[in-house]
Protein backbone atom coordinates (compact mmCIF):
# COMPACT_ATOMS: atom_id res chain seq x y z
CA MET A 1 10.07 48.80 23.53
CA GLU A 2 9.14 50.16 20.25
CA PHE A 3 11.59 48.24 18.11
CA LEU A 4 10.02 45.10 20.04
CA LYS A 5 6.74 46.17 19.10
CA GLN A 6 7.19 46.40 15.26
CA ILE A 7 9.56 42.90 14.92
CA LYS A 8 6.34 41.69 17.07
CA SER A 9 3.96 43.51 14.49
CA LEU A 10 6.07 42.48 11.69
CA ILE A 11 6.02 38.42 12.71
CA LYS A 12 2.23 39.16 13.19
CA ASP A 13 1.64 40.00 9.77
CA LEU A 14 4.04 37.50 8.23
CA ASP A 15 2.27 34.74 9.98
CA GLU A 16 -1.11 36.42 8.72
CA ALA A 17 0.44 36.54 5.15
CA LYS A 18 1.75 32.99 5.06
CA LYS A 19 -1.76 31.80 6.17
CA SER A 20 -3.44 33.26 3.02
CA VAL A 21 -1.37 31.25 1.06
CA PRO A 22 -3.07 28.07 0.24
CA PHE A 23 0.63 26.21 0.15
CA SER A 24 4.06 27.75 0.10
CA PHE A 25 6.99 25.72 -1.62
CA SER A 26 10.60 25.42 -1.27
CA ARG A 27 13.41 24.19 -3.28
CA ASN A 28 16.11 22.27 -1.29
CA GLN A 29 18.83 20.92 -3.39
CA ASP A 30 20.17 19.27 -0.68
CA PHE A 31 16.42 16.97 -0.16
CA VAL A 32 16.89 16.29 -4.22
CA ASP A 33 20.18 15.36 -3.89
CA ASN A 34 19.41 12.73 -0.19
CA GLN A 35 16.16 11.64 -2.38
CA ILE A 36 18.33 10.94 -5.76
CA ALA A 37 20.75 8.77 -3.91
CA SER A 38 17.88 7.08 -2.29
CA ILE A 39 17.00 6.08 -5.36
CA ASP A 40 19.88 5.31 -6.90
CA THR A 41 20.72 2.81 -3.73
CA PHE A 42 17.28 0.81 -4.37
CA PHE A 43 17.97 0.56 -7.91
CA ILE A 44 21.29 -0.93 -6.63
CA TYR A 45 19.26 -3.49 -4.52
CA LEU A 46 17.22 -4.05 -7.89
CA ASN A 47 20.30 -5.16 -9.80
CA ASP A 48 22.08 -6.86 -6.89
CA ILE A 49 18.84 -9.20 -6.40
CA TYR A 50 18.65 -9.91 -9.95
CA SER A 51 22.45 -10.81 -10.25
CA SER A 52 22.08 -13.04 -7.61
CA HIS A 53 18.92 -14.89 -8.97
CA GLU A 54 20.63 -15.11 -12.54
CA LEU A 55 23.55 -16.64 -10.50
CA PHE A 56 21.27 -19.26 -8.62
CA ILE A 57 19.49 -19.96 -11.25
CA SER A 58 22.70 -20.77 -13.15
CA SER A 59 24.06 -22.87 -10.32
CA GLN A 60 20.69 -24.64 -10.44
CA ASP A 61 21.14 -25.75 -13.75
CA SER A 62 24.46 -26.71 -13.47
CA LEU A 63 23.44 -28.93 -10.43
CA TYR A 64 21.15 -30.78 -12.56
CA LYS A 65 23.45 -31.18 -15.67
CA TYR A 66 26.35 -32.51 -13.80
CA ARG A 67 24.46 -34.82 -10.78
CA TYR A 68 26.04 -37.74 -12.13
CA GLU A 69 29.75 -35.90 -12.51
CA PRO A 70 32.31 -35.79 -10.66
CA GLU A 71 32.55 -32.10 -10.01
CA PHE A 72 28.86 -32.36 -8.62
CA GLU A 73 30.03 -31.80 -5.26
CA SER A 74 31.56 -28.31 -6.20
CA PHE A 75 28.54 -27.32 -8.36
CA GLN A 76 26.37 -28.18 -4.91
CA THR A 77 28.37 -25.75 -2.84
CA SER A 78 27.97 -23.03 -5.24
CA PHE A 79 24.29 -23.93 -5.60
CA ILE A 80 23.96 -24.11 -1.74
CA ALA A 81 25.84 -19.97 -1.72
CA ASP A 82 24.22 -18.79 -4.58
CA SER A 83 20.95 -19.71 -3.38
CA THR A 84 21.84 -18.10 -0.17
CA THR A 85 23.20 -15.30 -1.07
CA TYR A 86 19.68 -14.66 -3.44
CA VAL A 87 17.32 -15.42 -0.85
CA THR A 88 19.39 -13.34 1.58
CA LEU A 89 19.59 -10.52 -0.77
CA TYR A 90 15.64 -10.61 -1.55
CA ASN A 91 15.00 -10.99 2.29
CA GLU A 92 17.05 -7.97 2.87
CA PHE A 93 15.69 -5.79 0.57
CA LEU A 94 11.48 -6.82 1.09
CA ASP A 95 12.42 -5.65 5.19
CA GLN A 96 14.17 -2.65 3.87
CA TYR A 97 11.27 -1.69 1.47
CA GLN A 98 8.02 -2.57 2.52
CA PHE A 99 6.10 -0.95 0.06
CA GLN A 100 2.21 -2.21 -0.59
CA ILE A 101 2.71 -4.48 -2.98
CA LYS A 102 2.91 -8.28 -2.92
CA LYS A 103 6.23 -10.63 -3.69
CA ASN A 104 4.96 -11.47 -6.90
CA GLN A 105 5.06 -7.93 -8.01
CA TRP A 106 8.14 -7.98 -7.16
CA ASP A 107 9.30 -10.49 -8.96
CA GLN A 108 7.69 -8.75 -12.10
CA LEU A 109 9.71 -5.83 -11.50
CA LEU A 110 13.07 -8.21 -11.15
CA GLY A 111 12.42 -9.92 -13.75
CA ILE A 112 12.62 -13.06 -12.08
CA ASN A 113 9.05 -14.85 -13.09
CA GLU A 114 7.74 -15.78 -16.43
CA SER A 115 4.77 -12.91 -16.17
CA LEU A 116 5.95 -10.35 -18.23
CA ALA A 117 6.74 -10.86 -21.79
CA GLU A 118 9.46 -8.54 -21.81
CA PRO A 119 12.00 -8.03 -18.62
CA ILE A 120 11.97 -4.59 -17.57
CA ASN A 121 15.33 -2.76 -18.13
CA LEU A 122 16.26 -1.62 -14.47
CA GLU A 123 18.76 1.23 -16.13
CA ILE A 124 15.67 2.91 -18.12
CA PHE A 125 13.47 2.35 -15.48
CA LYS A 126 15.61 3.70 -13.26
CA ASN A 127 15.86 7.16 -15.08
CA GLN A 128 12.64 7.30 -16.08
CA VAL A 129 11.48 7.27 -11.84
CA LYS A 130 14.61 9.89 -11.35
CA GLN A 131 13.31 12.24 -14.26
CA ILE A 132 9.71 12.22 -12.82
CA CYS A 133 10.96 13.13 -9.28
CA LEU A 134 13.13 15.60 -10.77
CA ASN A 135 10.41 17.29 -12.47
CA ARG A 136 7.66 17.69 -9.54
CA TRP A 137 10.75 18.65 -7.32
CA ALA A 138 11.70 21.70 -9.59
CA GLU A 139 7.96 22.63 -9.19
CA GLY A 140 9.07 22.87 -5.45
CA ILE A 141 8.33 21.10 -2.10
CA ILE A 142 5.51 21.66 -0.15
CA ASP A 143 7.17 23.22 3.13
CA GLU A 144 4.27 21.51 5.41
CA PRO A 145 4.40 18.43 8.07
CA LEU A 146 2.52 15.90 6.41
CA ASP A 147 0.56 14.94 9.59
CA LYS A 148 -1.32 17.88 8.90
CA TYR A 149 -3.12 16.41 6.21
CA PHE A 150 -3.67 12.85 7.57
CA GLU A 151 -5.20 14.11 10.71
């Protein structure tokens, strides 16, 4: 019985000690690996959309260029396929990543509108995002449920 009292006392002391520390941080490599994989997946989506947009624009240009040529039907078929692929990928992306930004901001990021003087290099941007996250995660991750802060 004395042993159980000591364990209960130890647990109580540990709980009190934990409460006296404002935050506890943990380092969890599995979490970091999963988040890095999520960032990579996000940028794969962006690259796929960018590539499909480029094909769509190219098909659109060819369709116009060859509108009076015998190959027009072939270009029309390519244009329909490329535009369908682009729209489908873009809509899947918007469904998957429902951040609170406007569509024209996504278009800027993807370089599919002319509002930026120079297109964003997605590979460099991805590496910068990953480095910022790795720097923060190296400091540790707070080991508290998020809803605790939004009650």
